[in-house]
Amino acid sequence: MEITTSPAQQLAQPATGAATAASAISSDFETFLKMLTVQMQNQNPLDPIKSEDFAVQLATFSGVEQQVQTNDLLQSLAAQMNVMGMGQLAGWVGMEARAPVAGYFDGDSITLSPNPRLVADTAVLVVRDASGAEVQRAQIPASSDPVAWNGVLANGSALPHGLYDFAVESYADGALVASDTVEIYARIVEARSEGGETVLVTEGGAKVPAALVSGLREPGTAN
């Protein structure tokens, strides 16, 4: 399992940032007071600054200070929630996830979960290799029952190891109704965060957003 940043490290980062921001606020406040003092010392005695103006300046600075502190707190909470989410997803590593992702064939069967359209009376499985070339086309039951794909062609030869994409074509009365991506069961080897989104990496290097996972099971479990 590879998770780039540990929870302890991630929690420490917001705390450091908050401390830096607090120091900056303190420094800015002292600067503000010095400027206010100089302003009072150099005001025109014939036209002194009104006390209301001082109150407005103090209130404005106080509001900005509170907003900065609030933003730091929200960032810290968001970081902690992200760590909790990654901690939960770490338990997925080693499990088999059902998702619309390419499957890595290493000689063992891959469990497919085709879902032909309800109107289909015929379903055809279409297999493509990593380059997108079609390598197999075979008729399967027009149902949502799992299919074990063993990578063996009609002539008895086996396809080479590698990543393969699966699609199911639905036919009704001989006419193509639709072509849909087939969900498969693939073993999860890593959970990572990319662009604020949790991404799972399956065996063979295929990536799938965690939100697209529709099922989990223990390795080797048959439906």
Protein backbone atom coordinates (compact mmCIF):
# COMPACT_ATOMS: atom_id res chain seq x y z
CA MET A 1 0.00 0.00 0.00
CA GLU A 2 1.34 3.42 -0.90
CA ILE A 3 -0.12 6.55 0.62
CA THR A 4 2.23 9.45 -0.06
CA THR A 5 1.54 11.56 3.02
CA SER A 6 0.88 10.17 6.49
CA PRO A 7 -2.04 11.53 8.54
CA ALA A 8 0.37 12.91 11.11
CA GLN A 9 2.24 14.85 8.43
CA GLN A 10 -0.94 16.19 6.89
CA LEU A 11 -2.32 17.31 10.25
CA ALA A 12 0.96 19.01 11.09
CA GLN A 13 0.95 21.15 7.95
CA PRO A 14 -2.23 23.16 8.74
CA ALA A 15 -1.01 23.74 12.30
CA THR A 16 2.26 25.23 10.99
CA GLY A 17 0.34 27.42 8.57
CA ALA A 18 -1.99 28.63 11.32
CA ALA A 19 0.95 29.53 13.55
CA THR A 20 2.57 31.48 10.72
CA ALA A 21 -0.69 33.32 10.00
CA ALA A 22 -1.17 34.16 13.69
CA SER A 23 2.37 35.56 13.84
CA ALA A 24 1.69 37.65 10.74
CA ILE A 25 -1.57 38.99 12.22
CA SER A 26 0.22 39.97 15.45
CA SER A 27 2.95 41.71 13.47
CA ASP A 28 0.42 43.53 11.29
CA PHE A 29 -1.56 44.65 14.34
CA GLU A 30 1.57 46.17 15.94
CA THR A 31 2.33 47.94 12.66
CA PHE A 32 -1.24 49.22 12.54
CA LEU A 33 -0.98 50.62 16.07
CA LYS A 34 2.31 52.36 15.22
CA MET A 35 0.77 53.92 12.12
CA LEU A 36 -2.27 55.00 14.15
CA THR A 37 0.00 56.59 16.78
CA VAL A 38 1.99 58.47 14.12
CA GLN A 39 -1.26 59.59 12.53
CA MET A 40 -2.47 61.02 15.84
CA GLN A 41 0.86 62.74 16.51
CA ASN A 42 0.90 64.40 13.11
CA GLN A 43 -2.75 65.31 12.72
CA ASN A 44 -3.74 68.86 11.95
CA PRO A 45 -4.59 70.52 15.30
CA LEU A 46 -7.06 72.77 13.48
CA ASP A 47 -8.77 69.80 11.94
CA PRO A 48 -8.20 66.78 14.23
CA ILE A 49 -9.24 63.30 13.25
CA LYS A 50 -12.58 62.38 14.72
CA SER A 51 -12.79 59.62 17.28
CA GLU A 52 -15.39 57.90 15.08
CA ASP A 53 -12.78 57.54 12.35
CA PHE A 54 -10.39 55.80 14.77
CA ALA A 55 -13.18 53.45 15.83
CA VAL A 56 -13.97 52.59 12.21
CA GLN A 57 -10.31 51.81 11.46
CA LEU A 58 -10.02 49.59 14.55
CA ALA A 59 -13.26 47.78 13.72
CA THR A 60 -12.14 47.22 10.11
CA PHE A 61 -8.81 45.74 11.16
CA SER A 62 -10.49 43.56 13.78
CA GLY A 63 -12.90 42.20 11.15
CA VAL A 64 -10.05 41.31 8.80
CA GLU A 65 -8.20 39.61 11.66
CA GLN A 66 -11.25 37.50 12.52
CA GLN A 67 -11.76 36.53 8.89
CA VAL A 68 -8.15 35.35 8.55
CA GLN A 69 -8.47 33.25 11.70
CA THR A 70 -11.74 31.76 10.45
CA ASN A 71 -10.17 30.84 7.11
CA ASP A 72 -7.26 29.13 8.88
CA LEU A 73 -9.70 27.13 11.03
CA LEU A 74 -11.70 26.02 7.97
CA GLN A 75 -8.51 24.94 6.19
CA SER A 76 -7.46 22.91 9.24
CA LEU A 77 -10.85 21.21 9.46
CA ALA A 78 -10.82 20.43 5.73
CA ALA A 79 -7.36 18.87 6.05
CA GLN A 80 -8.48 16.70 8.98
CA MET A 81 -11.58 15.53 7.07
CA ASN A 82 -9.38 14.63 4.10
CA VAL A 83 -7.08 12.59 6.35
CA MET A 84 -10.08 10.75 7.80
CA GLY A 85 -11.35 9.98 4.31
CA MET A 86 -7.97 8.66 3.17
CA GLY A 87 -7.71 6.58 6.35
CA GLN A 88 -11.02 4.89 5.57
CA LEU A 89 -10.06 4.31 1.93
CA ALA A 90 -6.75 2.76 3.01
CA GLY A 91 -8.85 -0.21 4.14
CA TRP A 92 -9.88 -0.71 0.51
CA VAL A 93 -6.33 -1.52 -0.56
CA GLY A 94 -6.12 -5.23 -1.29
CA MET A 95 -9.87 -5.48 -1.91
CA GLU A 96 -11.47 -6.02 -5.30
CA ALA A 97 -13.52 -3.06 -6.51
CA ARG A 98 -16.25 -3.16 -9.13
CA ALA A 99 -15.88 -0.21 -11.45
CA PRO A 100 -15.83 0.77 -15.15
CA VAL A 101 -12.08 0.43 -15.44
CA ALA A 102 -9.59 -1.47 -17.58
CA GLY A 103 -8.68 -4.90 -16.18
CA TYR A 104 -5.21 -6.35 -15.91
CA PHE A 105 -5.03 -9.88 -17.32
CA ASP A 106 -2.20 -11.98 -15.87
CA GLY A 107 -3.52 -15.41 -16.79
CA ASP A 108 -6.23 -15.54 -14.12
CA SER A 109 -9.88 -14.93 -14.96
CA ILE A 110 -11.34 -11.45 -14.63
CA THR A 111 -14.88 -11.15 -13.28
CA LEU A 112 -17.04 -8.96 -15.53
CA SER A 113 -20.35 -7.39 -14.55
CA PRO A 114 -22.07 -6.69 -17.86
CA ASN A 115 -25.35 -4.84 -17.82
CA PRO A 116 -27.05 -5.16 -21.21
CA ARG A 117 -30.06 -2.96 -21.91
CA LEU A 118 -33.38 -4.41 -20.74
CA VAL A 119 -34.70 -4.52 -24.32
CA ALA A 120 -31.74 -6.57 -25.54
CA ASP A 121 -32.30 -10.13 -26.69
CA THR A 122 -28.63 -10.56 -27.61
CA ALA A 123 -25.48 -9.30 -25.91
CA VAL A 124 -21.97 -9.24 -27.35
CA LEU A 125 -18.80 -8.74 -25.32
CA VAL A 126 -16.17 -6.61 -27.05
CA VAL A 127 -12.61 -6.70 -25.74
CA ARG A 128 -9.93 -4.15 -26.65
CA ASP A 129 -6.26 -4.06 -25.71
CA ALA A 130 -4.35 -1.10 -24.27
CA SER A 131 -3.90 0.41 -27.75
CA GLY A 132 -7.66 0.37 -28.36
CA ALA A 133 -7.54 -2.43 -30.95
CA GLU A 134 -10.37 -4.95 -30.80
CA VAL A 135 -8.98 -8.39 -29.90
CA GLN A 136 -12.13 -10.38 -29.16
CA ARG A 137 -15.85 -10.36 -29.82
CA ALA A 138 -18.04 -13.03 -28.25
CA GLN A 139 -21.72 -13.49 -27.47
CA ILE A 140 -22.65 -13.61 -23.77
CA PRO A 141 -25.99 -14.08 -21.98
CA ALA A 142 -28.25 -11.02 -22.24
CA SER A 143 -28.40 -10.65 -18.47
CA SER A 144 -26.57 -8.94 -15.63
CA ASP A 145 -25.10 -12.21 -14.36
CA PRO A 146 -21.31 -12.06 -13.77
CA VAL A 147 -19.08 -13.43 -16.52
CA ALA A 148 -15.63 -14.95 -15.94
CA TRP A 149 -13.35 -13.83 -18.78
CA ASN A 150 -10.28 -16.05 -19.11
CA GLY A 151 -8.56 -14.35 -22.03
CA VAL A 152 -8.84 -17.39 -24.29
CA LEU A 153 -9.83 -16.81 -27.92
CA ALA A 154 -12.10 -19.01 -30.03
CA ASN A 155 -9.07 -20.74 -31.59
CA GLY A 156 -7.81 -21.74 -28.14
CA SER A 157 -4.93 -19.28 -27.96
CA ALA A 158 -4.56 -17.02 -24.94
CA LEU A 159 -4.18 -13.29 -25.10
CA PRO A 160 -0.93 -11.79 -23.73
CA HIS A 161 -0.81 -10.32 -20.26
CA GLY A 162 -1.79 -6.66 -20.04
CA LEU A 163 -4.64 -4.18 -19.64
CA TYR A 164 -7.92 -4.77 -21.48
CA ASP A 165 -11.09 -2.69 -21.81
CA PHE A 166 -14.50 -4.34 -21.96
CA ALA A 167 -17.78 -3.20 -23.50
CA VAL A 168 -21.14 -4.88 -24.05
CA GLU A 169 -23.19 -4.31 -27.17
CA SER A 170 -26.93 -4.72 -26.75
CA TYR A 171 -28.98 -5.93 -29.73
CA ALA A 172 -32.74 -6.12 -30.13
CA ASP A 173 -34.14 -7.97 -33.18
CA GLY A 174 -30.70 -7.87 -34.75
CA ALA A 175 -30.31 -4.09 -34.39
CA LEU A 176 -27.64 -2.52 -32.20
CA VAL A 177 -29.33 -0.66 -29.34
CA ALA A 178 -26.32 0.57 -27.37
CA SER A 179 -22.70 -0.07 -26.46
CA ASP A 180 -21.82 0.33 -22.79
CA THR A 181 -18.64 0.05 -20.73
CA VAL A 182 -18.55 -3.10 -18.64
CA GLU A 183 -17.76 -2.90 -14.94
CA ILE A 184 -15.16 -5.37 -13.75
CA TYR A 185 -13.71 -6.49 -10.44
CA ALA A 186 -10.12 -5.27 -10.11
CA ARG A 187 -7.75 -5.47 -7.14
CA ILE A 188 -6.92 -2.11 -5.55
CA VAL A 189 -3.22 -1.54 -4.95
CA GLU A 190 -3.19 2.14 -3.95
CA ALA A 191 -5.40 5.02 -2.80
CA ARG A 192 -4.21 8.54 -3.56
CA SER A 193 -5.47 12.12 -3.74
CA GLU A 194 -5.24 13.91 -7.08
CA GLY A 195 -6.61 17.40 -7.53
CA GLY A 196 -8.70 17.12 -4.39
CA GLU A 197 -10.29 13.88 -5.59
CA THR A 198 -9.64 10.42 -4.17
CA VAL A 199 -8.39 8.10 -6.89
CA LEU A 200 -7.91 4.34 -6.64
CA VAL A 201 -5.17 2.61 -8.58
CA THR A 202 -5.87 -0.96 -9.61
CA GLU A 203 -3.49 -3.76 -10.48
CA GLY A 204 -1.82 -2.91 -13.76
CA GLY A 205 -1.91 0.84 -13.14
CA ALA A 206 -5.48 1.69 -14.17
CA LYS A 207 -7.01 4.60 -12.23
CA VAL A 208 -10.62 5.09 -11.18
CA PRO A 209 -12.24 7.82 -9.05
CA ALA A 210 -13.51 6.37 -5.77
CA ALA A 211 -16.94 7.81 -6.54
CA LEU A 212 -17.31 5.42 -9.50
CA VAL A 213 -16.82 2.27 -7.40
CA SER A 214 -20.14 0.44 -7.18
CA GLY A 215 -19.06 -2.58 -5.16
CA LEU A 216 -16.32 -4.15 -3.04
CA ARG A 217 -15.48 -7.75 -2.26
CA GLU A 218 -12.73 -9.88 -0.75
CA PRO A 219 -10.10 -11.05 -3.25
CA GLY A 220 -11.08 -14.21 -5.06
CA THR A 221 -14.72 -14.05 -3.96
CA ALA A 222 -17.10 -15.20 -6.70
CA ASN A 223 -20.60 -13.81 -6.97
